Amino acid sequence: MAPTPAAGLPADWSVDERCMNCDAARQLAPELIEERAGRSALVRPPRDEAETRSLLAAAHACPTRSIRPGTGALTRDTDPFPLALDKDEDEGVLLLGHNSRRTAGASSYLCRRPAGWLMIDTPRFSEDLAARYEALGPVTDILLTHGDHAAHGRAWADRLGARLTVHEGDLDAAPDADRVLRGTDPVDLGPGAVAHPFPGHTRGSVLYVLDERHCFTGDSLYWSRATGDIEVHESLTWYSIEEQAASLTRSLDRLRFEWLLPGHGDRRRMPAEEARRRLSGLADRCRALRPSPVDFTAVRW
């Protein structure tokens, strides 16, 4: 199918009709890409080098490779990933890009730990990407936040010699996992790393918190640009919105973090006390929710 350039945009960039509206590109290049008619659309050309880098990041993250230069090729030398989460800090947490259609375009992360690196969910699998991560140092663990982000978990674990972790509630998605989390109590995964089982989106959803600073939430929690707050994907809660509310309430005195890092939805940094206040408000809102039909168009990005 032929891509169609956005109105007023030079013909060397376009978004084609394969776009699955996962929001990943809009997070990386919000000045250049907006949601229109149920998919991402380029709204203007980049004005400077920084915006060009943002557009290239969006293109290399796009799970359907819908964002393309006129040549149709995205080259290794324009690929910014893995990308430091905060350019003003050390590269202890990296955004991996290269989102996969098999995980609905979810974001994934690589985190430096004393014994090596942890991968939180996964990008699409490729030998080229594996070689890049391997060059950074040993990847010891692949931590799955829930079952519908598990598609490439075993391939990554086998290639990198890492341990694959999943919660028993979603074991059917990764039946050959090397470590299985159980119950709803927090689980110590090593110095400064804690798994918080968080049933709701799925039976086996888990939040992973590192050093009481970075909280990787999968599809359980995200920052919404529309509401300016932490939200749940209430229209995409596969298991139980009541269990989601219970998980929030149970976690209020357990969770402490500054970075909210979801699989879907915006990332956000805030003081730990603000995060706790917003989670408390979300728990109140969530307790009032009731089950509703799945609706992909109702997500308040």
C-alpha atoms as a PDB file:
ATOM      1  CA  MET A   1       0.000   0.000   0.000  1.00  0.00           C
ATOM      2  CA  ALA A   2       1.303   3.438  -0.821  1.00  0.00           C
ATOM      3  CA  PRO A   3       2.024   5.805   2.063  1.00  0.00           C
ATOM      4  CA  THR A   4       0.372   9.210   1.952  1.00  0.00           C
ATOM      5  CA  PRO A   5       2.364  12.269   3.049  1.00  0.00           C
ATOM      6  CA  ALA A   6       0.667  14.508   5.605  1.00  0.00           C
ATOM      7  CA  ALA A   7      -0.665  17.785   4.275  1.00  0.00           C
ATOM      8  CA  GLY A   8       2.097  20.383   4.128  1.00  0.00           C
ATOM      9  CA  LEU A   9       4.799  17.880   5.008  1.00  0.00           C
ATOM     10  CA  PRO A  10       7.698  17.318   2.623  1.00  0.00           C
ATOM     11  CA  ALA A  11       7.269  14.075   0.716  1.00  0.00           C
ATOM     12  CA  ASP A  12      10.378  12.506   2.275  1.00  0.00           C
ATOM     13  CA  TRP A  13       8.431  11.444   5.409  1.00  0.00           C
ATOM     14  CA  SER A  14       5.061   9.738   5.716  1.00  0.00           C
ATOM     15  CA  VAL A  15       2.898   7.441   7.852  1.00  0.00           C
ATOM     16  CA  ASP A  16       1.273   4.507   6.109  1.00  0.00           C
ATOM     17  CA  GLU A  17      -2.024   2.756   6.791  1.00  0.00           C
ATOM     18  CA  ARG A  18      -0.500  -0.072   8.812  1.00  0.00           C
ATOM     19  CA  CYS A  19      -0.374   2.186  11.892  1.00  0.00           C
ATOM     20  CA  MET A  20      -1.979   0.357  14.844  1.00  0.00           C
ATOM     21  CA  ASN A  21      -2.467   3.513  16.950  1.00  0.00           C
ATOM     22  CA  CYS A  22      -0.274   2.209  19.778  1.00  0.00           C
ATOM     23  CA  ASP A  23       0.814   5.755  20.804  1.00  0.00           C
ATOM     24  CA  ALA A  24       4.538   4.941  20.939  1.00  0.00           C
ATOM     25  CA  ALA A  25       5.455   7.439  18.220  1.00  0.00           C
ATOM     26  CA  ARG A  26       3.351  10.209  19.750  1.00  0.00           C
ATOM     27  CA  GLN A  27       5.235   9.804  23.025  1.00  0.00           C
ATOM     28  CA  LEU A  28       8.607  10.182  21.309  1.00  0.00           C
ATOM     29  CA  ALA A  29       7.744  13.010  18.891  1.00  0.00           C
ATOM     30  CA  PRO A  30       4.723  14.795  20.382  1.00  0.00           C
ATOM     31  CA  GLU A  31       5.404  18.017  18.477  1.00  0.00           C
ATOM     32  CA  LEU A  32       5.373  16.221  15.126  1.00  0.00           C
ATOM     33  CA  ILE A  33       2.903  13.347  15.444  1.00  0.00           C
ATOM     34  CA  GLU A  34      -0.716  13.482  16.583  1.00  0.00           C
ATOM     35  CA  GLU A  35      -3.649  11.094  16.640  1.00  0.00           C
ATOM     36  CA  ARG A  36      -6.026  11.708  13.750  1.00  0.00           C
ATOM     37  CA  ALA A  37      -8.877   9.472  12.617  1.00  0.00           C
ATOM     38  CA  GLY A  38      -7.747   6.616  14.826  1.00  0.00           C
ATOM     39  CA  ARG A  39      -4.070   6.510  13.907  1.00  0.00           C
ATOM     40  CA  SER A  40      -0.890   8.563  14.095  1.00  0.00           C
ATOM     41  CA  ALA A  41      -0.336  11.313  11.552  1.00  0.00           C
ATOM     42  CA  LEU A  42       2.594  13.592  10.818  1.00  0.00           C
ATOM     43  CA  VAL A  43       1.474  17.196  11.274  1.00  0.00           C
ATOM     44  CA  ARG A  44       4.571  19.159  10.220  1.00  0.00           C
ATOM     45  CA  PRO A  45       8.228  18.660   9.320  1.00  0.00           C
ATOM     46  CA  PRO A  46      10.939  18.859  11.995  1.00  0.00           C
ATOM     47  CA  ARG A  47      12.309  22.343  12.513  1.00  0.00           C
ATOM     48  CA  ASP A  48      15.699  21.513  13.979  1.00  0.00           C
ATOM     49  CA  GLU A  49      18.106  18.705  14.717  1.00  0.00           C
ATOM     50  CA  ALA A  50      16.426  17.822  18.017  1.00  0.00           C
ATOM     51  CA  GLU A  51      13.051  17.357  16.332  1.00  0.00           C
ATOM     52  CA  THR A  52      14.658  15.305  13.582  1.00  0.00           C
ATOM     53  CA  ARG A  53      16.123  13.020  16.239  1.00  0.00           C
ATOM     54  CA  SER A  54      12.684  12.724  17.844  1.00  0.00           C
ATOM     55  CA  LEU A  55      11.107  11.728  14.531  1.00  0.00           C
ATOM     56  CA  LEU A  56      13.811   9.139  13.911  1.00  0.00           C
ATOM     57  CA  ALA A  57      13.249   7.688  17.384  1.00  0.00           C
ATOM     58  CA  ALA A  58       9.525   7.452  16.654  1.00  0.00           C
ATOM     59  CA  ALA A  59      10.247   5.719  13.348  1.00  0.00           C
ATOM     60  CA  HIS A  60      12.603   3.151  14.892  1.00  0.00           C
ATOM     61  CA  ALA A  61      10.158   2.454  17.751  1.00  0.00           C
ATOM     62  CA  CYS A  62       7.074   2.055  15.529  1.00  0.00           C
ATOM     63  CA  PRO A  63       5.976  -1.611  15.652  1.00  0.00           C
ATOM     64  CA  THR A  64       4.530  -1.571  12.132  1.00  0.00           C
ATOM     65  CA  ARG A  65       7.364   0.499  10.627  1.00  0.00           C
ATOM     66  CA  SER A  66       4.687   2.888   9.402  1.00  0.00           C
ATOM     67  CA  ILE A  67       6.784   6.040   9.794  1.00  0.00           C
ATOM     68  CA  ARG A  68       9.141   6.162   6.847  1.00  0.00           C
ATOM     69  CA  PRO A  69      11.538   8.483   5.065  1.00  0.00           C
ATOM     70  CA  GLY A  70      11.063   8.818   1.323  1.00  0.00           C
ATOM     71  CA  THR A  71      13.748   6.221   0.694  1.00  0.00           C
ATOM     72  CA  GLY A  72      11.699   3.674   2.640  1.00  0.00           C
ATOM     73  CA  ALA A  73      14.816   2.633   4.541  1.00  0.00           C
ATOM     74  CA  LEU A  74      15.657   3.178   8.194  1.00  0.00           C
ATOM     75  CA  THR A  75      19.370   2.697   8.671  1.00  0.00           C
ATOM     76  CA  ARG A  76      21.395   1.622  11.688  1.00  0.00           C
ATOM     77  CA  ASP A  77      23.217   4.950  11.845  1.00  0.00           C
ATOM     78  CA  THR A  78      19.944   6.833  12.428  1.00  0.00           C
ATOM     79  CA  ASP A  79      18.755   4.459  15.171  1.00  0.00           C
ATOM     80  CA  PRO A  80      19.036   6.124  18.622  1.00  0.00           C
ATOM     81  CA  PHE A  81      18.150   3.003  20.627  1.00  0.00           C
ATOM     82  CA  PRO A  82      18.825   1.964  23.293  1.00  0.00           C
ATOM     83  CA  LEU A  83      18.060   5.481  24.505  1.00  0.00           C
ATOM     84  CA  ALA A  84      18.871   6.851  27.964  1.00  0.00           C
ATOM     85  CA  LEU A  85      15.682   7.529  29.874  1.00  0.00           C
ATOM     86  CA  ASP A  86      17.072  10.828  31.133  1.00  0.00           C
ATOM     87  CA  LYS A  87      19.939  12.420  29.224  1.00  0.00           C
ATOM     88  CA  ASP A  88      20.962  14.342  32.365  1.00  0.00           C
ATOM     89  CA  GLU A  89      21.495  11.149  34.352  1.00  0.00           C
ATOM     90  CA  ASP A  90      23.707   8.111  33.924  1.00  0.00           C
ATOM     91  CA  GLU A  91      22.539   5.464  31.497  1.00  0.00           C
ATOM     92  CA  GLY A  92      21.188   3.156  34.181  1.00  0.00           C
ATOM     93  CA  VAL A  93      17.757   2.858  32.552  1.00  0.00           C
ATOM     94  CA  LEU A  94      17.438   2.587  28.774  1.00  0.00           C
ATOM     95  CA  LEU A  95      14.352   2.705  26.578  1.00  0.00           C
ATOM     96  CA  LEU A  96      14.751  -0.055  23.982  1.00  0.00           C
ATOM     97  CA  GLY A  97      12.441   1.063  21.152  1.00  0.00           C
ATOM     98  CA  HIS A  98      11.852  -1.442  18.340  1.00  0.00           C
ATOM     99  CA  ASN A  99       8.387  -2.154  19.726  1.00  0.00           C
ATOM    100  CA  SER A 100       6.715  -5.333  18.532  1.00  0.00           C
ATOM    101  CA  ARG A 101       3.349  -5.917  16.917  1.00  0.00           C
ATOM    102  CA  ARG A 102       3.165  -9.134  18.949  1.00  0.00           C
ATOM    103  CA  THR A 103       3.044  -7.093  22.166  1.00  0.00           C
ATOM    104  CA  ALA A 104       0.632  -4.484  20.720  1.00  0.00           C
ATOM    105  CA  GLY A 105       3.499  -2.017  20.392  1.00  0.00           C
ATOM    106  CA  ALA A 106       4.481  -2.012  24.080  1.00  0.00           C
ATOM    107  CA  SER A 107       7.609  -0.234  25.305  1.00  0.00           C
ATOM    108  CA  SER A 108      10.418  -2.159  26.986  1.00  0.00           C
ATOM    109  CA  TYR A 109      13.409  -1.201  29.101  1.00  0.00           C
ATOM    110  CA  LEU A 110      16.931  -2.273  30.024  1.00  0.00           C
ATOM    111  CA  CYS A 111      18.165  -1.489  33.555  1.00  0.00           C
ATOM    112  CA  ARG A 112      21.704  -1.633  34.902  1.00  0.00           C
ATOM    113  CA  ARG A 113      22.015  -3.552  38.191  1.00  0.00           C
ATOM    114  CA  PRO A 114      25.030  -4.570  40.304  1.00  0.00           C
ATOM    115  CA  ALA A 115      25.153  -8.067  38.769  1.00  0.00           C
ATOM    116  CA  GLY A 116      24.243  -7.101  35.204  1.00  0.00           C
ATOM    117  CA  TRP A 117      21.255  -5.805  33.267  1.00  0.00           C
ATOM    118  CA  LEU A 118      17.539  -6.510  33.693  1.00  0.00           C
ATOM    119  CA  MET A 119      15.192  -6.346  30.676  1.00  0.00           C
ATOM    120  CA  ILE A 120      11.639  -5.314  31.570  1.00  0.00           C
ATOM    121  CA  ASP A 121       9.361  -6.768  28.875  1.00  0.00           C
ATOM    122  CA  THR A 122      10.988  -7.020  25.456  1.00  0.00           C
ATOM    123  CA  PRO A 123      11.310  -5.382  22.061  1.00  0.00           C
ATOM    124  CA  ARG A 124      10.878  -7.441  18.914  1.00  0.00           C
ATOM    125  CA  PHE A 125      13.529 -10.134  18.694  1.00  0.00           C
ATOM    126  CA  SER A 126      16.417  -9.839  16.267  1.00  0.00           C
ATOM    127  CA  GLU A 127      20.027 -10.955  16.269  1.00  0.00           C
ATOM    128  CA  ASP A 128      21.210  -7.425  15.539  1.00  0.00           C
ATOM    129  CA  LEU A 129      19.453  -6.031  18.605  1.00  0.00           C
ATOM    130  CA  ALA A 130      20.680  -8.916  20.754  1.00  0.00           C
ATOM    131  CA  ALA A 131      24.268  -8.173  19.772  1.00  0.00           C
ATOM    132  CA  ARG A 132      23.836  -4.525  20.776  1.00  0.00           C
ATOM    133  CA  TYR A 133      22.528  -5.384  24.240  1.00  0.00           C
ATOM    134  CA  GLU A 134      25.104  -8.118  24.727  1.00  0.00           C
ATOM    135  CA  ALA A 135      27.831  -5.568  24.089  1.00  0.00           C
ATOM    136  CA  LEU A 136      26.609  -3.504  27.051  1.00  0.00           C
ATOM    137  CA  GLY A 137      27.270  -6.341  29.478  1.00  0.00           C
ATOM    138  CA  PRO A 138      25.507  -9.467  30.764  1.00  0.00           C
ATOM    139  CA  VAL A 139      21.705  -9.435  30.796  1.00  0.00           C
ATOM    140  CA  THR A 140      20.803 -11.617  33.764  1.00  0.00           C
ATOM    141  CA  ASP A 141      17.000 -11.444  33.794  1.00  0.00           C
ATOM    142  CA  ILE A 142      13.979 -10.899  31.542  1.00  0.00           C
ATOM    143  CA  LEU A 143      11.091  -9.681  33.725  1.00  0.00           C
ATOM    144  CA  LEU A 144       7.627  -9.943  32.178  1.00  0.00           C
ATOM    145  CA  THR A 145       5.012  -7.538  33.505  1.00  0.00           C
ATOM    146  CA  HIS A 146       2.155  -9.732  32.228  1.00  0.00           C
ATOM    147  CA  GLY A 147       1.116 -12.319  29.675  1.00  0.00           C
ATOM    148  CA  ASP A 148       0.382 -10.203  26.623  1.00  0.00           C
ATOM    149  CA  HIS A 149       3.937  -8.846  26.680  1.00  0.00           C
ATOM    150  CA  ALA A 150       5.439 -12.352  26.760  1.00  0.00           C
ATOM    151  CA  ALA A 151       5.666 -13.104  23.015  1.00  0.00           C
ATOM    152  CA  HIS A 152       9.447 -12.727  22.666  1.00  0.00           C
ATOM    153  CA  GLY A 153      10.445 -13.488  26.255  1.00  0.00           C
ATOM    154  CA  ARG A 154      11.777 -16.992  25.754  1.00  0.00           C
ATOM    155  CA  ALA A 155      13.719 -16.063  22.620  1.00  0.00           C
ATOM    156  CA  TRP A 156      15.443 -13.186  24.414  1.00  0.00           C
ATOM    157  CA  ALA A 157      16.186 -15.231  27.526  1.00  0.00           C
ATOM    158  CA  ASP A 158      17.710 -18.069  25.511  1.00  0.00           C
ATOM    159  CA  ARG A 159      19.785 -15.757  23.302  1.00  0.00           C
ATOM    160  CA  LEU A 160      21.171 -13.710  26.212  1.00  0.00           C
ATOM    161  CA  GLY A 161      21.474 -16.549  28.714  1.00  0.00           C
ATOM    162  CA  ALA A 162      19.034 -14.766  31.028  1.00  0.00           C
ATOM    163  CA  ARG A 163      16.398 -16.003  33.476  1.00  0.00           C
ATOM    164  CA  LEU A 164      12.772 -15.493  32.371  1.00  0.00           C
ATOM    165  CA  THR A 165      10.325 -14.410  35.096  1.00  0.00           C
ATOM    166  CA  VAL A 166       6.526 -14.369  35.012  1.00  0.00           C
ATOM    167  CA  HIS A 167       3.724 -14.478  37.585  1.00  0.00           C
ATOM    168  CA  GLU A 168       1.777 -17.704  38.034  1.00  0.00           C
ATOM    169  CA  GLY A 169      -1.419 -15.910  36.989  1.00  0.00           C
ATOM    170  CA  ASP A 170      -0.058 -15.523  33.469  1.00  0.00           C
ATOM    171  CA  LEU A 171       2.018 -18.700  33.327  1.00  0.00           C
ATOM    172  CA  ASP A 172       0.053 -19.930  30.313  1.00  0.00           C
ATOM    173  CA  ALA A 173       1.732 -17.158  28.267  1.00  0.00           C
ATOM    174  CA  ALA A 174       5.231 -18.276  29.335  1.00  0.00           C
ATOM    175  CA  PRO A 175       4.904 -21.884  30.500  1.00  0.00           C
ATOM    176  CA  ASP A 176       8.653 -22.457  30.254  1.00  0.00           C
ATOM    177  CA  ALA A 177       9.581 -19.510  32.495  1.00  0.00           C
ATOM    178  CA  ASP A 178      12.605 -20.050  34.726  1.00  0.00           C
ATOM    179  CA  ARG A 179      11.156 -18.228  37.745  1.00  0.00           C
ATOM    180  CA  VAL A 180       7.476 -18.046  38.686  1.00  0.00           C
ATOM    181  CA  LEU A 181       6.190 -15.387  41.088  1.00  0.00           C
ATOM    182  CA  ARG A 182       3.237 -16.384  43.271  1.00  0.00           C
ATOM    183  CA  GLY A 183       0.579 -14.701  45.375  1.00  0.00           C
ATOM    184  CA  THR A 184       0.146 -10.975  45.932  1.00  0.00           C
ATOM    185  CA  ASP A 185       2.923 -10.192  48.428  1.00  0.00           C
ATOM    186  CA  PRO A 186       5.977  -8.265  47.232  1.00  0.00           C
ATOM    187  CA  VAL A 187       8.918 -10.425  46.145  1.00  0.00           C
ATOM    188  CA  ASP A 188      12.563  -9.420  46.663  1.00  0.00           C
ATOM    189  CA  LEU A 189      14.442  -9.955  43.384  1.00  0.00           C
ATOM    190  CA  GLY A 190      17.857  -8.822  44.604  1.00  0.00           C
ATOM    191  CA  PRO A 191      19.421  -5.618  45.936  1.00  0.00           C
ATOM    192  CA  GLY A 192      16.938  -2.774  45.441  1.00  0.00           C
ATOM    193  CA  ALA A 193      14.638  -4.734  43.099  1.00  0.00           C
ATOM    194  CA  VAL A 194      11.112  -5.704  44.163  1.00  0.00           C
ATOM    195  CA  ALA A 195       8.246  -7.350  42.252  1.00  0.00           C
ATOM    196  CA  HIS A 196       4.756  -6.214  43.265  1.00  0.00           C
ATOM    197  CA  PRO A 197       2.076  -8.619  41.994  1.00  0.00           C
ATOM    198  CA  PHE A 198      -0.784  -6.435  40.727  1.00  0.00           C
ATOM    199  CA  PRO A 199      -3.699  -8.488  39.379  1.00  0.00           C
ATOM    200  CA  GLY A 200      -6.248  -6.510  37.395  1.00  0.00           C
ATOM    201  CA  HIS A 201      -5.261  -5.920  33.796  1.00  0.00           C
ATOM    202  CA  THR A 202      -4.445  -9.629  33.762  1.00  0.00           C
ATOM    203  CA  ARG A 203      -4.489 -12.198  36.550  1.00  0.00           C
ATOM    204  CA  GLY A 204      -0.679 -12.228  36.596  1.00  0.00           C
ATOM    205  CA  SER A 205       0.195  -8.550  36.154  1.00  0.00           C
ATOM    206  CA  VAL A 206       3.265  -7.361  38.079  1.00  0.00           C
ATOM    207  CA  LEU A 207       4.887  -3.999  38.817  1.00  0.00           C
ATOM    208  CA  TYR A 208       8.681  -4.004  39.128  1.00  0.00           C
ATOM    209  CA  VAL A 209      10.265  -1.290  41.312  1.00  0.00           C
ATOM    210  CA  LEU A 210      13.999  -0.568  41.336  1.00  0.00           C
ATOM    211  CA  ASP A 211      15.614   1.377  44.188  1.00  0.00           C
ATOM    212  CA  GLU A 212      12.237   2.925  45.111  1.00  0.00           C
ATOM    213  CA  ARG A 213      12.791   5.118  42.074  1.00  0.00           C
ATOM    214  CA  HIS A 214      11.772   3.429  38.823  1.00  0.00           C
ATOM    215  CA  CYS A 215       8.392   1.668  38.620  1.00  0.00           C
ATOM    216  CA  PHE A 216       7.766  -0.466  35.526  1.00  0.00           C
ATOM    217  CA  THR A 217       4.013  -0.943  35.270  1.00  0.00           C
ATOM    218  CA  GLY A 218       3.308  -2.884  32.076  1.00  0.00           C
ATOM    219  CA  ASP A 219      -0.340  -2.208  31.264  1.00  0.00           C
ATOM    220  CA  SER A 220      -1.470  -1.711  34.868  1.00  0.00           C
ATOM    221  CA  LEU A 221      -0.808   2.036  35.244  1.00  0.00           C
ATOM    222  CA  TYR A 222       0.207   4.845  32.890  1.00  0.00           C
ATOM    223  CA  TRP A 223       0.403   8.636  32.669  1.00  0.00           C
ATOM    224  CA  SER A 224      -2.453  10.078  30.631  1.00  0.00           C
ATOM    225  CA  ARG A 225      -1.879  13.250  28.632  1.00  0.00           C
ATOM    226  CA  ALA A 226      -5.636  13.660  28.382  1.00  0.00           C
ATOM    227  CA  THR A 227      -6.291  13.728  32.141  1.00  0.00           C
ATOM    228  CA  GLY A 228      -2.885  14.862  33.383  1.00  0.00           C
ATOM    229  CA  ASP A 229      -2.825  12.059  35.934  1.00  0.00           C
ATOM    230  CA  ILE A 230      -1.957   8.418  36.582  1.00  0.00           C
ATOM    231  CA  GLU A 231      -4.670   6.180  35.122  1.00  0.00           C
ATOM    232  CA  VAL A 232      -5.619   2.551  34.556  1.00  0.00           C
ATOM    233  CA  HIS A 233      -6.620   1.161  31.169  1.00  0.00           C
ATOM    234  CA  GLU A 234     -10.180   0.626  32.369  1.00  0.00           C
ATOM    235  CA  SER A 235     -11.517  -0.237  28.907  1.00  0.00           C
ATOM    236  CA  LEU A 236      -8.698  -2.763  28.393  1.00  0.00           C
ATOM    237  CA  THR A 237      -8.766  -4.561  31.729  1.00  0.00           C
ATOM    238  CA  TRP A 238      -8.867  -8.181  30.614  1.00  0.00           C
ATOM    239  CA  TYR A 239      -9.160  -9.826  34.040  1.00  0.00           C
ATOM    240  CA  SER A 240     -10.990  -7.701  36.631  1.00  0.00           C
ATOM    241  CA  ILE A 241     -11.426  -3.995  37.306  1.00  0.00           C
ATOM    242  CA  GLU A 242     -12.402  -4.887  40.888  1.00  0.00           C
ATOM    243  CA  GLU A 243      -9.089  -6.728  41.332  1.00  0.00           C
ATOM    244  CA  GLN A 244      -7.320  -3.732  39.797  1.00  0.00           C
ATOM    245  CA  ALA A 245      -8.863  -1.517  42.482  1.00  0.00           C
ATOM    246  CA  ALA A 246      -7.883  -4.013  45.179  1.00  0.00           C
ATOM    247  CA  SER A 247      -4.305  -4.090  43.895  1.00  0.00           C
ATOM    248  CA  LEU A 248      -4.114  -0.310  44.025  1.00  0.00           C
ATOM    249  CA  THR A 249      -5.465  -0.173  47.560  1.00  0.00           C
ATOM    250  CA  ARG A 250      -3.163  -2.959  48.742  1.00  0.00           C
ATOM    251  CA  SER A 251      -0.120  -1.272  47.204  1.00  0.00           C
ATOM    252  CA  LEU A 252      -0.543   2.245  48.581  1.00  0.00           C
ATOM    253  CA  ASP A 253       1.648   1.574  51.621  1.00  0.00           C
ATOM    254  CA  ARG A 254       4.095  -0.593  49.651  1.00  0.00           C
ATOM    255  CA  LEU A 255       4.882   1.390  46.515  1.00  0.00           C
ATOM    256  CA  ARG A 256       7.372   4.222  46.419  1.00  0.00           C
ATOM    257  CA  PHE A 257       8.790   5.559  43.151  1.00  0.00           C
ATOM    258  CA  GLU A 258       9.639   8.683  41.157  1.00  0.00           C
ATOM    259  CA  TRP A 259       9.469   7.366  37.576  1.00  0.00           C
ATOM    260  CA  LEU A 260       6.272   5.816  36.185  1.00  0.00           C
ATOM    261  CA  LEU A 261       7.350   3.629  33.255  1.00  0.00           C
ATOM    262  CA  PRO A 262       4.510   1.804  31.481  1.00  0.00           C
ATOM    263  CA  GLY A 263       4.359  -0.507  28.512  1.00  0.00           C
ATOM    264  CA  HIS A 264       1.554   1.550  26.984  1.00  0.00           C
ATOM    265  CA  GLY A 265       0.930   5.201  27.743  1.00  0.00           C
ATOM    266  CA  ASP A 266       3.206   8.064  28.665  1.00  0.00           C
ATOM    267  CA  ARG A 267       6.167   7.921  31.005  1.00  0.00           C
ATOM    268  CA  ARG A 268       6.315  10.465  33.825  1.00  0.00           C
ATOM    269  CA  ARG A 269       8.730  11.620  36.500  1.00  0.00           C
ATOM    270  CA  MET A 270       7.426  13.175  39.713  1.00  0.00           C
ATOM    271  CA  PRO A 271       8.375  13.430  43.396  1.00  0.00           C
ATOM    272  CA  ALA A 272       7.647  10.241  45.323  1.00  0.00           C
ATOM    273  CA  GLU A 273       5.082  11.966  47.550  1.00  0.00           C
ATOM    274  CA  GLU A 274       3.207  13.250  44.500  1.00  0.00           C
ATOM    275  CA  ALA A 275       3.191   9.739  43.034  1.00  0.00           C
ATOM    276  CA  ARG A 276       1.696   8.372  46.236  1.00  0.00           C
ATOM    277  CA  ARG A 277      -0.952  11.103  46.341  1.00  0.00           C
ATOM    278  CA  ARG A 278      -1.933  10.438  42.749  1.00  0.00           C
ATOM    279  CA  LEU A 279      -2.084   6.676  43.354  1.00  0.00           C
ATOM    280  CA  SER A 280      -4.372   7.254  46.333  1.00  0.00           C
ATOM    281  CA  GLY A 281      -6.700   9.359  44.178  1.00  0.00           C
ATOM    282  CA  LEU A 282      -6.628   6.705  41.454  1.00  0.00           C
ATOM    283  CA  ALA A 283      -7.506   4.000  43.996  1.00  0.00           C
ATOM    284  CA  ASP A 284     -10.580   6.012  45.001  1.00  0.00           C
ATOM    285  CA  ARG A 285     -11.619   6.466  41.369  1.00  0.00           C
ATOM    286  CA  CYS A 286     -10.940   2.850  40.514  1.00  0.00           C
ATOM    287  CA  ARG A 287     -13.102   1.512  43.345  1.00  0.00           C
ATOM    288  CA  ALA A 288     -16.069   3.232  41.695  1.00  0.00           C
ATOM    289  CA  LEU A 289     -15.495   1.540  38.320  1.00  0.00           C
ATOM    290  CA  ARG A 290     -17.484  -1.446  37.132  1.00  0.00           C
ATOM    291  CA  PRO A 291     -16.766  -3.996  34.361  1.00  0.00           C
ATOM    292  CA  SER A 292     -17.442  -2.715  30.851  1.00  0.00           C
ATOM    293  CA  PRO A 293     -16.997  -4.041  27.310  1.00  0.00           C
ATOM    294  CA  VAL A 294     -13.487  -3.891  25.876  1.00  0.00           C
ATOM    295  CA  ASP A 295     -13.094  -0.722  23.812  1.00  0.00           C
ATOM    296  CA  PHE A 296      -9.725   0.073  22.229  1.00  0.00           C
ATOM    297  CA  THR A 297     -10.905   3.550  21.229  1.00  0.00           C
ATOM    298  CA  ALA A 298     -11.678   4.614  24.801  1.00  0.00           C
ATOM    299  CA  VAL A 299      -8.097   4.840  26.097  1.00  0.00           C
ATOM    300  CA  ARG A 300      -7.406   8.343  27.371  1.00  0.00           C
ATOM    301  CA  TRP A 301      -3.829   8.680  26.136  1.00  0.00           C
END
